[in-house]
């Protein structure tokens, strides 16, 4: 009997060919609901009358201006398979001699180039990711991630629920959360994920281990996912019996990082940009499936195609999860008009990633 050889997800698309004739970069900017101006870089690859796009989501504006302002000469004008392109990208200093303030930014930039190349390769082949992988696009459940102000109040949640009473939320608990606020949130019944921000030392939002806050959150939200706690001798025992609610995010950059967390998680936040390469992302998604880990999508204030790509991946691999990839309008500081409802319609069955 003939032996069946199972190809990995990435192997199914690695040999897609792409022809790059030119490339360029542009900066996108927007004010956000968290009170800062967001900048990202859109990477554009062109060839054979088609255009592929990717988005660099580094949180340092200077990093984006350094790329666009210097217009570096990268060896990208050529014909490749996607795997060959990935190998070339791996050999290039995409920050052209400037050390980014955080090493993870190297992954963010690599993802921008690799996703742009995949988008272009799919368009040049007149196909899409679902067709190549033999998957189906499905409606996408989403939750909204939002800050609650300083000091924290229920106002933002109340406003959003007035526009869309069916919304679900991912929130970042802080020590100033009052008993009244916690009661309002629990009464709403809409909080799906609580991000404790314990493993993100590279951001201003990172929080140290806080046993009192952790205990209050564990007790008040018995059915919610608890993301990125800091485990210390004092905090680890608080999660005894709640391990199946713990999820990881900031440190997840590939299979090896999943294997390094304190115990096999029930849930995992998948932010494609953190993985850098398309191969690492797809390998991790497969690892989750093989080990009964339930992934859900995460966003990083994408301003352009990056958010659409998150929708595409969630639609294929984890459509019913509490995906933190709400449409960009929810990131606006002022909410007006009709808001998109969950679940979102599946992506269009058209060539490319978008």
C-alpha atoms as a PDB file:
ATOM      1  CA  UNK A   1       0.000   0.000   0.000  1.00  0.00           C
ATOM      2  CA  UNK A   2       1.332   3.425  -0.937  1.00  0.00           C
ATOM      3  CA  UNK A   3       2.447   5.582   1.961  1.00  0.00           C
ATOM      4  CA  UNK A   4       0.621   8.895   2.387  1.00  0.00           C
ATOM      5  CA  UNK A   5       3.008  11.792   2.927  1.00  0.00           C
ATOM      6  CA  UNK A   6       1.379  14.602   4.923  1.00  0.00           C
ATOM      7  CA  UNK A   7       2.642  18.029   4.019  1.00  0.00           C
ATOM      8  CA  UNK A   8       2.744  20.758   6.636  1.00  0.00           C
ATOM      9  CA  UNK A   9       0.661  23.861   6.070  1.00  0.00           C
ATOM     10  CA  UNK A  10       3.721  25.819   5.036  1.00  0.00           C
ATOM     11  CA  UNK A  11       4.948  23.120   2.665  1.00  0.00           C
ATOM     12  CA  UNK A  12       1.663  23.448   0.800  1.00  0.00           C
ATOM     13  CA  UNK A  13       2.431  27.054  -0.103  1.00  0.00           C
ATOM     14  CA  UNK A  14       6.237  27.237   0.097  1.00  0.00           C
ATOM     15  CA  UNK A  15       6.677  26.612  -3.641  1.00  0.00           C
ATOM     16  CA  UNK A  16       4.321  29.384  -4.738  1.00  0.00           C
ATOM     17  CA  UNK A  17       6.305  31.521  -7.173  1.00  0.00           C
ATOM     18  CA  UNK A  18       6.495  35.302  -7.190  1.00  0.00           C
ATOM     19  CA  UNK A  19       8.133  37.820  -9.482  1.00  0.00           C
ATOM     20  CA  UNK A  20       9.117  41.132  -7.870  1.00  0.00           C
ATOM     21  CA  UNK A  21       9.807  44.007 -10.240  1.00  0.00           C
ATOM     22  CA  UNK A  22       9.713  46.886  -7.743  1.00  0.00           C
ATOM     23  CA  UNK A  23       8.968  47.661  -4.106  1.00  0.00           C
ATOM     24  CA  UNK A  24       8.305  50.661  -1.892  1.00  0.00           C
ATOM     25  CA  UNK A  25       7.136  51.684   1.579  1.00  0.00           C
ATOM     26  CA  UNK A  26       4.676  54.175   3.036  1.00  0.00           C
ATOM     27  CA  UNK A  27       3.761  55.249   6.563  1.00  0.00           C
ATOM     28  CA  UNK A  28       0.198  55.175   7.906  1.00  0.00           C
ATOM     29  CA  UNK A  29      -0.835  57.138  11.020  1.00  0.00           C
ATOM     30  CA  UNK A  30      -3.981  57.376  13.155  1.00  0.00           C
ATOM     31  CA  UNK A  31      -5.088  58.484  16.631  1.00  0.00           C
ATOM     32  CA  UNK A  32      -6.286  55.613  18.833  1.00  0.00           C
ATOM     33  CA  UNK A  33      -8.708  55.028  21.695  1.00  0.00           C
ATOM     34  CA  UNK A  34      -5.703  54.477  23.999  1.00  0.00           C
ATOM     35  CA  UNK A  35      -4.628  58.088  23.646  1.00  0.00           C
ATOM     36  CA  UNK A  36      -1.611  57.841  21.340  1.00  0.00           C
ATOM     37  CA  UNK A  37      -0.885  58.338  17.655  1.00  0.00           C
ATOM     38  CA  UNK A  38      -0.237  55.028  15.945  1.00  0.00           C
ATOM     39  CA  UNK A  39       2.164  54.677  13.022  1.00  0.00           C
ATOM     40  CA  UNK A  40       2.823  51.612  10.872  1.00  0.00           C
ATOM     41  CA  UNK A  41       4.673  50.952   7.616  1.00  0.00           C
ATOM     42  CA  UNK A  42       3.021  49.343   4.603  1.00  0.00           C
ATOM     43  CA  UNK A  43       5.433  47.266   2.496  1.00  0.00           C
ATOM     44  CA  UNK A  44       4.440  47.066  -1.180  1.00  0.00           C
ATOM     45  CA  UNK A  45       5.830  44.506  -3.651  1.00  0.00           C
ATOM     46  CA  UNK A  46       4.882  44.697  -7.356  1.00  0.00           C
ATOM     47  CA  UNK A  47       5.280  42.367 -10.302  1.00  0.00           C
ATOM     48  CA  UNK A  48       3.424  40.977 -13.335  1.00  0.00           C
ATOM     49  CA  UNK A  49       0.743  43.630 -12.948  1.00  0.00           C
ATOM     50  CA  UNK A  50      -0.081  42.578  -9.372  1.00  0.00           C
ATOM     51  CA  UNK A  51       0.660  44.158  -5.989  1.00  0.00           C
ATOM     52  CA  UNK A  52       1.281  42.487  -2.648  1.00  0.00           C
ATOM     53  CA  UNK A  53       1.027  44.291   0.677  1.00  0.00           C
ATOM     54  CA  UNK A  54       2.330  43.746   4.206  1.00  0.00           C
ATOM     55  CA  UNK A  55       2.281  45.866   7.368  1.00  0.00           C
ATOM     56  CA  UNK A  56       5.032  46.494   9.936  1.00  0.00           C
ATOM     57  CA  UNK A  57       3.375  47.121  13.319  1.00  0.00           C
ATOM     58  CA  UNK A  58       6.400  48.239  15.374  1.00  0.00           C
ATOM     59  CA  UNK A  59       5.284  50.613  18.131  1.00  0.00           C
ATOM     60  CA  UNK A  60       8.164  53.060  17.684  1.00  0.00           C
ATOM     61  CA  UNK A  61       7.432  55.787  15.122  1.00  0.00           C
ATOM     62  CA  UNK A  62      11.144  56.469  14.536  1.00  0.00           C
ATOM     63  CA  UNK A  63      11.586  52.877  13.320  1.00  0.00           C
ATOM     64  CA  UNK A  64       9.083  53.507  10.533  1.00  0.00           C
ATOM     65  CA  UNK A  65      10.581  56.826   9.487  1.00  0.00           C
ATOM     66  CA  UNK A  66      14.061  55.261   9.426  1.00  0.00           C
ATOM     67  CA  UNK A  67      12.884  52.773   6.800  1.00  0.00           C
ATOM     68  CA  UNK A  68      10.845  55.127   4.655  1.00  0.00           C
ATOM     69  CA  UNK A  69      13.276  58.024   4.937  1.00  0.00           C
ATOM     70  CA  UNK A  70      16.354  56.011   3.974  1.00  0.00           C
ATOM     71  CA  UNK A  71      14.711  54.042   1.139  1.00  0.00           C
ATOM     72  CA  UNK A  72      17.232  51.173   1.485  1.00  0.00           C
ATOM     73  CA  UNK A  73      18.320  49.093  -1.494  1.00  0.00           C
ATOM     74  CA  UNK A  74      17.299  45.504  -0.696  1.00  0.00           C
ATOM     75  CA  UNK A  75      18.053  42.607  -3.122  1.00  0.00           C
ATOM     76  CA  UNK A  76      14.395  41.846  -3.801  1.00  0.00           C
ATOM     77  CA  UNK A  77      14.052  42.402  -7.542  1.00  0.00           C
ATOM     78  CA  UNK A  78      14.016  38.822  -8.770  1.00  0.00           C
ATOM     79  CA  UNK A  79      11.948  35.678  -9.186  1.00  0.00           C
ATOM     80  CA  UNK A  80      11.507  33.457  -6.118  1.00  0.00           C
ATOM     81  CA  UNK A  81       9.444  30.754  -4.548  1.00  0.00           C
ATOM     82  CA  UNK A  82       8.022  31.939  -1.248  1.00  0.00           C
ATOM     83  CA  UNK A  83      10.491  29.739   0.616  1.00  0.00           C
ATOM     84  CA  UNK A  84      13.390  31.227  -1.383  1.00  0.00           C
ATOM     85  CA  UNK A  85      12.115  34.719  -0.649  1.00  0.00           C
ATOM     86  CA  UNK A  86      11.931  33.868   3.064  1.00  0.00           C
ATOM     87  CA  UNK A  87      15.533  32.628   2.953  1.00  0.00           C
ATOM     88  CA  UNK A  88      16.675  35.872   1.313  1.00  0.00           C
ATOM     89  CA  UNK A  89      14.792  37.956   3.862  1.00  0.00           C
ATOM     90  CA  UNK A  90      16.431  35.978   6.641  1.00  0.00           C
ATOM     91  CA  UNK A  91      19.848  37.050   5.325  1.00  0.00           C
ATOM     92  CA  UNK A  92      19.005  40.780   5.064  1.00  0.00           C
ATOM     93  CA  UNK A  93      19.272  43.398   7.796  1.00  0.00           C
ATOM     94  CA  UNK A  94      15.821  44.890   7.239  1.00  0.00           C
ATOM     95  CA  UNK A  95      16.685  47.664   9.697  1.00  0.00           C
ATOM     96  CA  UNK A  96      19.712  48.563   7.498  1.00  0.00           C
ATOM     97  CA  UNK A  97      22.246  49.001  10.286  1.00  0.00           C
ATOM     98  CA  UNK A  98      19.927  50.668  12.799  1.00  0.00           C
ATOM     99  CA  UNK A  99      19.294  48.558  15.885  1.00  0.00           C
ATOM    100  CA  UNK A 100      15.588  48.689  16.724  1.00  0.00           C
ATOM    101  CA  UNK A 101      14.794  49.485  20.378  1.00  0.00           C
ATOM    102  CA  UNK A 102      13.223  46.027  20.835  1.00  0.00           C
ATOM    103  CA  UNK A 103      14.334  42.801  19.162  1.00  0.00           C
ATOM    104  CA  UNK A 104      10.740  41.741  18.487  1.00  0.00           C
ATOM    105  CA  UNK A 105      10.567  44.604  15.977  1.00  0.00           C
ATOM    106  CA  UNK A 106      12.767  42.481  13.695  1.00  0.00           C
ATOM    107  CA  UNK A 107       9.989  39.890  13.581  1.00  0.00           C
ATOM    108  CA  UNK A 108       7.390  42.576  12.901  1.00  0.00           C
ATOM    109  CA  UNK A 109       9.327  43.846   9.896  1.00  0.00           C
ATOM    110  CA  UNK A 110      10.047  40.372   8.582  1.00  0.00           C
ATOM    111  CA  UNK A 111       6.334  39.551   8.780  1.00  0.00           C
ATOM    112  CA  UNK A 112       5.546  42.679   6.732  1.00  0.00           C
ATOM    113  CA  UNK A 113       7.830  41.496   3.929  1.00  0.00           C
ATOM    114  CA  UNK A 114       6.846  37.820   4.111  1.00  0.00           C
ATOM    115  CA  UNK A 115       3.108  38.531   4.162  1.00  0.00           C
ATOM    116  CA  UNK A 116       3.493  40.980   1.263  1.00  0.00           C
ATOM    117  CA  UNK A 117       5.323  38.281  -0.687  1.00  0.00           C
ATOM    118  CA  UNK A 118       2.618  35.720   0.076  1.00  0.00           C
ATOM    119  CA  UNK A 119      -0.087  38.179  -0.958  1.00  0.00           C
ATOM    120  CA  UNK A 120       1.737  38.847  -4.236  1.00  0.00           C
ATOM    121  CA  UNK A 121       2.413  35.155  -4.914  1.00  0.00           C
ATOM    122  CA  UNK A 122      -1.242  34.250  -4.389  1.00  0.00           C
ATOM    123  CA  UNK A 123      -2.386  37.066  -6.685  1.00  0.00           C
ATOM    124  CA  UNK A 124       0.090  36.115  -9.391  1.00  0.00           C
ATOM    125  CA  UNK A 125      -1.195  32.531  -9.176  1.00  0.00           C
ATOM    126  CA  UNK A 126      -4.818  33.778  -9.202  1.00  0.00           C
ATOM    127  CA  UNK A 127      -5.616  31.918  -5.990  1.00  0.00           C
ATOM    128  CA  UNK A 128      -6.024  32.464  -2.255  1.00  0.00           C
ATOM    129  CA  UNK A 129      -4.916  30.907   1.007  1.00  0.00           C
ATOM    130  CA  UNK A 130      -8.064  28.854   1.532  1.00  0.00           C
ATOM    131  CA  UNK A 131      -7.729  27.222  -1.887  1.00  0.00           C
ATOM    132  CA  UNK A 132      -4.012  26.470  -1.493  1.00  0.00           C
ATOM    133  CA  UNK A 133      -4.456  24.929   1.952  1.00  0.00           C
ATOM    134  CA  UNK A 134      -7.807  23.270   1.198  1.00  0.00           C
ATOM    135  CA  UNK A 135      -9.535  25.125   4.040  1.00  0.00           C
ATOM    136  CA  UNK A 136     -12.767  27.115   4.111  1.00  0.00           C
ATOM    137  CA  UNK A 137     -13.441  30.726   5.047  1.00  0.00           C
ATOM    138  CA  UNK A 138     -15.851  31.008   7.988  1.00  0.00           C
ATOM    139  CA  UNK A 139     -17.612  33.865   9.832  1.00  0.00           C
ATOM    140  CA  UNK A 140     -15.291  35.444  12.420  1.00  0.00           C
ATOM    141  CA  UNK A 141     -16.196  36.023  16.049  1.00  0.00           C
ATOM    142  CA  UNK A 142     -14.414  39.028  17.528  1.00  0.00           C
ATOM    143  CA  UNK A 143     -14.011  40.800  20.853  1.00  0.00           C
ATOM    144  CA  UNK A 144     -13.077  44.441  21.408  1.00  0.00           C
ATOM    145  CA  UNK A 145      -9.930  45.411  23.279  1.00  0.00           C
ATOM    146  CA  UNK A 146     -10.141  48.835  24.890  1.00  0.00           C
ATOM    147  CA  UNK A 147      -8.611  50.817  27.729  1.00  0.00           C
ATOM    148  CA  UNK A 148     -10.939  52.196  30.409  1.00  0.00           C
ATOM    149  CA  UNK A 149      -9.346  55.601  31.008  1.00  0.00           C
ATOM    150  CA  UNK A 150      -7.403  57.111  33.900  1.00  0.00           C
ATOM    151  CA  UNK A 151      -8.848  56.528  36.409  1.00  0.00           C
ATOM    152  CA  UNK A 152     -10.576  53.438  35.052  1.00  0.00           C
ATOM    153  CA  UNK A 153     -14.348  53.736  34.651  1.00  0.00           C
ATOM    154  CA  UNK A 154     -17.177  51.856  32.947  1.00  0.00           C
ATOM    155  CA  UNK A 155     -17.832  54.795  30.591  1.00  0.00           C
ATOM    156  CA  UNK A 156     -16.112  53.404  27.485  1.00  0.00           C
ATOM    157  CA  UNK A 157     -17.817  50.013  27.861  1.00  0.00           C
ATOM    158  CA  UNK A 158     -21.197  51.656  28.421  1.00  0.00           C
ATOM    159  CA  UNK A 159     -20.788  53.779  25.275  1.00  0.00           C
ATOM    160  CA  UNK A 160     -19.792  50.816  23.125  1.00  0.00           C
ATOM    161  CA  UNK A 161     -22.642  48.675  24.421  1.00  0.00           C
ATOM    162  CA  UNK A 162     -25.107  51.446  23.587  1.00  0.00           C
ATOM    163  CA  UNK A 163     -23.983  51.182  19.963  1.00  0.00           C
ATOM    164  CA  UNK A 164     -23.707  47.394  19.971  1.00  0.00           C
ATOM    165  CA  UNK A 165     -25.200  45.561  23.001  1.00  0.00           C
ATOM    166  CA  UNK A 166     -23.839  42.211  21.809  1.00  0.00           C
ATOM    167  CA  UNK A 167     -20.178  43.209  22.008  1.00  0.00           C
ATOM    168  CA  UNK A 168     -17.680  41.090  23.908  1.00  0.00           C
ATOM    169  CA  UNK A 169     -14.478  42.495  25.377  1.00  0.00           C
ATOM    170  CA  UNK A 170     -10.833  41.870  26.156  1.00  0.00           C
ATOM    171  CA  UNK A 171      -9.738  44.207  28.959  1.00  0.00           C
ATOM    172  CA  UNK A 172      -6.485  45.049  30.763  1.00  0.00           C
ATOM    173  CA  UNK A 173      -7.100  45.045  34.545  1.00  0.00           C
ATOM    174  CA  UNK A 174      -5.144  47.667  36.494  1.00  0.00           C
ATOM    175  CA  UNK A 175      -4.713  48.174  40.251  1.00  0.00           C
ATOM    176  CA  UNK A 176      -7.111  51.149  40.202  1.00  0.00           C
ATOM    177  CA  UNK A 177     -10.083  48.955  39.218  1.00  0.00           C
ATOM    178  CA  UNK A 178     -12.658  49.659  41.924  1.00  0.00           C
ATOM    179  CA  UNK A 179     -15.107  47.139  43.327  1.00  0.00           C
ATOM    180  CA  UNK A 180     -17.863  49.150  41.646  1.00  0.00           C
ATOM    181  CA  UNK A 181     -16.189  48.906  38.233  1.00  0.00           C
ATOM    182  CA  UNK A 182     -15.594  45.179  38.624  1.00  0.00           C
ATOM    183  CA  UNK A 183     -19.253  44.693  39.562  1.00  0.00           C
ATOM    184  CA  UNK A 184     -20.352  46.694  36.510  1.00  0.00           C
ATOM    185  CA  UNK A 185     -18.150  44.578  34.273  1.00  0.00           C
ATOM    186  CA  UNK A 186     -19.312  41.279  35.735  1.00  0.00           C
ATOM    187  CA  UNK A 187     -22.952  42.393  35.568  1.00  0.00           C
ATOM    188  CA  UNK A 188     -22.488  43.112  31.850  1.00  0.00           C
ATOM    189  CA  UNK A 189     -21.495  39.496  31.248  1.00  0.00           C
ATOM    190  CA  UNK A 190     -19.461  40.610  28.230  1.00  0.00           C
ATOM    191  CA  UNK A 191     -15.818  40.196  29.369  1.00  0.00           C
ATOM    192  CA  UNK A 192     -14.157  37.217  27.678  1.00  0.00           C
ATOM    193  CA  UNK A 193     -10.432  37.871  28.205  1.00  0.00           C
ATOM    194  CA  UNK A 194      -8.499  39.688  30.940  1.00  0.00           C
ATOM    195  CA  UNK A 195      -4.960  40.613  29.924  1.00  0.00           C
ATOM    196  CA  UNK A 196      -2.736  40.915  32.986  1.00  0.00           C
ATOM    197  CA  UNK A 197       0.136  42.335  30.878  1.00  0.00           C
ATOM    198  CA  UNK A 198       2.719  40.473  32.881  1.00  0.00           C
ATOM    199  CA  UNK A 199       5.026  39.316  30.103  1.00  0.00           C
ATOM    200  CA  UNK A 200       5.397  42.457  28.039  1.00  0.00           C
ATOM    201  CA  UNK A 201       8.387  44.299  29.584  1.00  0.00           C
ATOM    202  CA  UNK A 202       9.003  46.106  26.292  1.00  0.00           C
ATOM    203  CA  UNK A 203       5.814  48.180  26.568  1.00  0.00           C
ATOM    204  CA  UNK A 204       4.657  50.978  28.860  1.00  0.00           C
ATOM    205  CA  UNK A 205       1.523  48.924  29.559  1.00  0.00           C
ATOM    206  CA  UNK A 206       3.466  46.073  31.183  1.00  0.00           C
ATOM    207  CA  UNK A 207       2.509  45.322  34.781  1.00  0.00           C
ATOM    208  CA  UNK A 208       4.481  43.571  37.523  1.00  0.00           C
ATOM    209  CA  UNK A 209       3.060  40.634  39.444  1.00  0.00           C
ATOM    210  CA  UNK A 210       0.224  41.871  41.646  1.00  0.00           C
ATOM    211  CA  UNK A 211      -1.201  39.174  43.940  1.00  0.00           C
ATOM    212  CA  UNK A 212      -4.081  41.334  45.187  1.00  0.00           C
ATOM    213  CA  UNK A 213      -5.194  42.299  41.673  1.00  0.00           C
ATOM    214  CA  UNK A 214      -4.806  38.732  40.409  1.00  0.00           C
ATOM    215  CA  UNK A 215      -6.931  37.336  43.236  1.00  0.00           C
ATOM    216  CA  UNK A 216      -9.678  39.892  42.660  1.00  0.00           C
ATOM    217  CA  UNK A 217      -9.778  39.142  38.935  1.00  0.00           C
ATOM    218  CA  UNK A 218      -9.676  35.356  39.349  1.00  0.00           C
ATOM    219  CA  UNK A 219     -12.580  35.486  41.800  1.00  0.00           C
ATOM    220  CA  UNK A 220     -14.709  38.064  39.963  1.00  0.00           C
ATOM    221  CA  UNK A 221     -14.461  36.549  36.463  1.00  0.00           C
ATOM    222  CA  UNK A 222     -14.634  32.765  36.890  1.00  0.00           C
ATOM    223  CA  UNK A 223     -15.363  32.083  33.219  1.00  0.00           C
ATOM    224  CA  UNK A 224     -12.911  34.491  31.564  1.00  0.00           C
ATOM    225  CA  UNK A 225      -9.534  33.719  29.999  1.00  0.00           C
ATOM    226  CA  UNK A 226      -6.606  35.015  32.096  1.00  0.00           C
ATOM    227  CA  UNK A 227      -3.812  36.186  29.800  1.00  0.00           C
ATOM    228  CA  UNK A 228      -0.126  36.717  30.565  1.00  0.00           C
ATOM    229  CA  UNK A 229       0.126  36.541  34.358  1.00  0.00           C
ATOM    230  CA  UNK A 230       3.524  36.777  36.031  1.00  0.00           C
ATOM    231  CA  UNK A 231       4.210  33.647  38.032  1.00  0.00           C
ATOM    232  CA  UNK A 232       6.154  34.167  41.253  1.00  0.00           C
ATOM    233  CA  UNK A 233       6.271  32.165  44.479  1.00  0.00           C
ATOM    234  CA  UNK A 234       3.425  34.379  45.677  1.00  0.00           C
ATOM    235  CA  UNK A 235       1.242  34.486  42.542  1.00  0.00           C
ATOM    236  CA  UNK A 236       1.595  30.958  41.128  1.00  0.00           C
ATOM    237  CA  UNK A 237      -0.558  29.325  43.861  1.00  0.00           C
ATOM    238  CA  UNK A 238      -3.394  31.736  43.064  1.00  0.00           C
ATOM    239  CA  UNK A 239      -3.875  29.936  39.754  1.00  0.00           C
ATOM    240  CA  UNK A 240      -4.101  26.445  41.220  1.00  0.00           C
ATOM    241  CA  UNK A 241      -7.249  24.935  39.722  1.00  0.00           C
ATOM    242  CA  UNK A 242      -7.440  27.741  37.148  1.00  0.00           C
ATOM    243  CA  UNK A 243      -4.671  26.541  34.818  1.00  0.00           C
ATOM    244  CA  UNK A 244      -7.230  25.791  32.106  1.00  0.00           C
ATOM    245  CA  UNK A 245      -8.077  29.500  31.976  1.00  0.00           C
ATOM    246  CA  UNK A 246      -4.502  30.767  31.560  1.00  0.00           C
ATOM    247  CA  UNK A 247      -3.358  31.979  28.144  1.00  0.00           C
ATOM    248  CA  UNK A 248      -0.086  33.376  26.842  1.00  0.00           C
ATOM    249  CA  UNK A 249       0.559  36.175  24.375  1.00  0.00           C
ATOM    250  CA  UNK A 250       3.597  38.453  24.545  1.00  0.00           C
ATOM    251  CA  UNK A 251       6.202  35.692  24.670  1.00  0.00           C
ATOM    252  CA  UNK A 252       4.694  33.524  21.918  1.00  0.00           C
ATOM    253  CA  UNK A 253       6.870  33.718  18.791  1.00  0.00           C
ATOM    254  CA  UNK A 254       6.928  30.099  17.605  1.00  0.00           C
ATOM    255  CA  UNK A 255       6.612  26.459  18.655  1.00  0.00           C
ATOM    256  CA  UNK A 256       9.657  26.597  20.925  1.00  0.00           C
ATOM    257  CA  UNK A 257       8.155  29.485  22.890  1.00  0.00           C
ATOM    258  CA  UNK A 258       4.889  27.561  23.350  1.00  0.00           C
ATOM    259  CA  UNK A 259       6.830  24.609  24.713  1.00  0.00           C
ATOM    260  CA  UNK A 260       8.637  26.901  27.182  1.00  0.00           C
ATOM    261  CA  UNK A 261       5.571  28.205  29.093  1.00  0.00           C
ATOM    262  CA  UNK A 262       5.046  26.814  32.627  1.00  0.00           C
ATOM    263  CA  UNK A 263       2.431  24.263  31.553  1.00  0.00           C
ATOM    264  CA  UNK A 264       0.637  23.337  28.358  1.00  0.00           C
ATOM    265  CA  UNK A 265      -1.966  26.029  27.870  1.00  0.00           C
ATOM    266  CA  UNK A 266      -5.602  25.562  27.047  1.00  0.00           C
ATOM    267  CA  UNK A 267      -5.593  28.851  25.100  1.00  0.00           C
ATOM    268  CA  UNK A 268      -3.019  30.826  23.118  1.00  0.00           C
ATOM    269  CA  UNK A 269      -3.060  34.319  21.661  1.00  0.00           C
ATOM    270  CA  UNK A 270      -1.792  34.224  18.071  1.00  0.00           C
ATOM    271  CA  UNK A 271      -0.379  37.527  16.819  1.00  0.00           C
ATOM    272  CA  UNK A 272       1.101  36.713  13.388  1.00  0.00           C
ATOM    273  CA  UNK A 273       3.566  39.608  13.451  1.00  0.00           C
ATOM    274  CA  UNK A 274       5.312  38.179  16.497  1.00  0.00           C
ATOM    275  CA  UNK A 275       6.284  35.049  14.547  1.00  0.00           C
ATOM    276  CA  UNK A 276       8.205  36.869  11.825  1.00  0.00           C
ATOM    277  CA  UNK A 277       7.998  34.159   9.203  1.00  0.00           C
ATOM    278  CA  UNK A 278       4.911  32.632   7.625  1.00  0.00           C
ATOM    279  CA  UNK A 279       6.426  29.200   8.270  1.00  0.00           C
ATOM    280  CA  UNK A 280       6.801  29.782  12.018  1.00  0.00           C
ATOM    281  CA  UNK A 281       3.218  31.027  12.252  1.00  0.00           C
ATOM    282  CA  UNK A 282       1.719  28.067  10.406  1.00  0.00           C
ATOM    283  CA  UNK A 283       3.887  25.562  12.269  1.00  0.00           C
ATOM    284  CA  UNK A 284       2.595  26.982  15.568  1.00  0.00           C
ATOM    285  CA  UNK A 285      -1.017  26.832  14.417  1.00  0.00           C
ATOM    286  CA  UNK A 286      -0.474  23.171  13.522  1.00  0.00           C
ATOM    287  CA  UNK A 287       1.176  22.541  16.894  1.00  0.00           C
ATOM    288  CA  UNK A 288      -1.881  23.962  18.629  1.00  0.00           C
ATOM    289  CA  UNK A 289      -4.170  21.651  16.686  1.00  0.00           C
ATOM    290  CA  UNK A 290      -2.028  18.602  17.435  1.00  0.00           C
ATOM    291  CA  UNK A 291      -1.903  19.405  21.166  1.00  0.00           C
ATOM    292  CA  UNK A 292      -5.536  20.472  21.729  1.00  0.00           C
ATOM    293  CA  UNK A 293      -4.578  24.098  22.368  1.00  0.00           C
ATOM    294  CA  UNK A 294      -7.265  26.590  21.410  1.00  0.00           C
ATOM    295  CA  UNK A 295      -5.764  29.614  19.619  1.00  0.00           C
ATOM    296  CA  UNK A 296      -7.451  32.967  19.206  1.00  0.00           C
ATOM    297  CA  UNK A 297      -6.312  35.921  17.139  1.00  0.00           C
ATOM    298  CA  UNK A 298      -4.738  39.064  18.558  1.00  0.00           C
ATOM    299  CA  UNK A 299      -4.248  42.506  17.042  1.00  0.00           C
ATOM    300  CA  UNK A 300      -1.751  45.329  17.465  1.00  0.00           C
ATOM    301  CA  UNK A 301      -3.554  48.473  16.252  1.00  0.00           C
ATOM    302  CA  UNK A 302      -3.018  47.647  12.587  1.00  0.00           C
ATOM    303  CA  UNK A 303      -3.935  50.556  10.326  1.00  0.00           C
ATOM    304  CA  UNK A 304      -3.931  48.912   6.903  1.00  0.00           C
ATOM    305  CA  UNK A 305      -3.857  45.389   5.444  1.00  0.00           C
ATOM    306  CA  UNK A 306      -2.515  43.870   8.658  1.00  0.00           C
ATOM    307  CA  UNK A 307      -5.955  43.783  10.241  1.00  0.00           C
ATOM    308  CA  UNK A 308      -7.496  42.157   7.151  1.00  0.00           C
ATOM    309  CA  UNK A 309      -4.822  39.463   7.281  1.00  0.00           C
ATOM    310  CA  UNK A 310      -5.720  38.762  10.914  1.00  0.00           C
ATOM    311  CA  UNK A 311      -9.319  38.284   9.808  1.00  0.00           C
ATOM    312  CA  UNK A 312      -8.218  35.929   7.042  1.00  0.00           C
ATOM    313  CA  UNK A 313      -6.190  33.734   9.375  1.00  0.00           C
ATOM    314  CA  UNK A 314      -8.887  33.656  12.043  1.00  0.00           C
ATOM    315  CA  UNK A 315     -11.507  32.783   9.440  1.00  0.00           C
ATOM    316  CA  UNK A 316      -9.451  29.777   8.346  1.00  0.00           C
ATOM    317  CA  UNK A 317      -8.056  28.455  11.622  1.00  0.00           C
ATOM    318  CA  UNK A 318      -9.972  29.733  14.699  1.00  0.00           C
ATOM    319  CA  UNK A 319     -13.194  31.444  13.563  1.00  0.00           C
ATOM    320  CA  UNK A 320     -15.259  30.710  16.698  1.00  0.00           C
ATOM    321  CA  UNK A 321     -12.615  31.820  19.204  1.00  0.00           C
ATOM    322  CA  UNK A 322     -12.786  35.155  21.091  1.00  0.00           C
ATOM    323  CA  UNK A 323     -10.558  36.867  18.527  1.00  0.00           C
ATOM    324  CA  UNK A 324      -9.148  40.213  19.627  1.00  0.00           C
ATOM    325  CA  UNK A 325      -9.293  41.532  16.064  1.00  0.00           C
ATOM    326  CA  UNK A 326     -12.270  43.874  15.997  1.00  0.00           C
ATOM    327  CA  UNK A 327     -12.581  46.076  12.889  1.00  0.00           C
ATOM    328  CA  UNK A 328     -10.398  49.178  13.027  1.00  0.00           C
ATOM    329  CA  UNK A 329     -13.298  51.523  13.760  1.00  0.00           C
ATOM    330  CA  UNK A 330     -13.295  50.205  17.334  1.00  0.00           C
ATOM    331  CA  UNK A 331      -9.801  51.668  17.816  1.00  0.00           C
ATOM    332  CA  UNK A 332     -11.047  55.192  17.151  1.00  0.00           C
ATOM    333  CA  UNK A 333     -11.123  57.566  20.106  1.00  0.00           C
ATOM    334  CA  UNK A 334     -14.613  58.738  19.087  1.00  0.00           C
ATOM    335  CA  UNK A 335     -17.273  56.159  18.253  1.00  0.00           C
ATOM    336  CA  UNK A 336     -20.024  57.217  15.848  1.00  0.00           C
ATOM    337  CA  UNK A 337     -22.484  55.539  13.508  1.00  0.00           C
ATOM    338  CA  UNK A 338     -23.203  51.880  13.005  1.00  0.00           C
ATOM    339  CA  UNK A 339     -20.563  49.457  14.269  1.00  0.00           C
ATOM    340  CA  UNK A 340     -19.781  46.100  12.649  1.00  0.00           C
ATOM    341  CA  UNK A 341     -21.305  43.165  14.496  1.00  0.00           C
ATOM    342  CA  UNK A 342     -19.781  39.835  15.430  1.00  0.00           C
ATOM    343  CA  UNK A 343     -19.440  37.482  13.664  1.00  0.00           C
ATOM    344  CA  UNK A 344     -17.935  39.228  10.682  1.00  0.00           C
ATOM    345  CA  UNK A 345     -18.664  37.877   7.228  1.00  0.00           C
ATOM    346  CA  UNK A 346     -15.977  35.538   5.827  1.00  0.00           C
ATOM    347  CA  UNK A 347     -13.295  37.173   3.655  1.00  0.00           C
ATOM    348  CA  UNK A 348     -14.056  37.452  -0.038  1.00  0.00           C
ATOM    349  CA  UNK A 349     -13.063  34.418  -2.067  1.00  0.00           C
ATOM    350  CA  UNK A 350     -10.670  36.450  -4.206  1.00  0.00           C
ATOM    351  CA  UNK A 351      -6.965  36.179  -5.117  1.00  0.00           C
ATOM    352  CA  UNK A 352      -4.397  37.189  -2.531  1.00  0.00           C
ATOM    353  CA  UNK A 353      -4.486  37.502   1.248  1.00  0.00           C
ATOM    354  CA  UNK A 354      -6.980  40.321   1.317  1.00  0.00           C
END
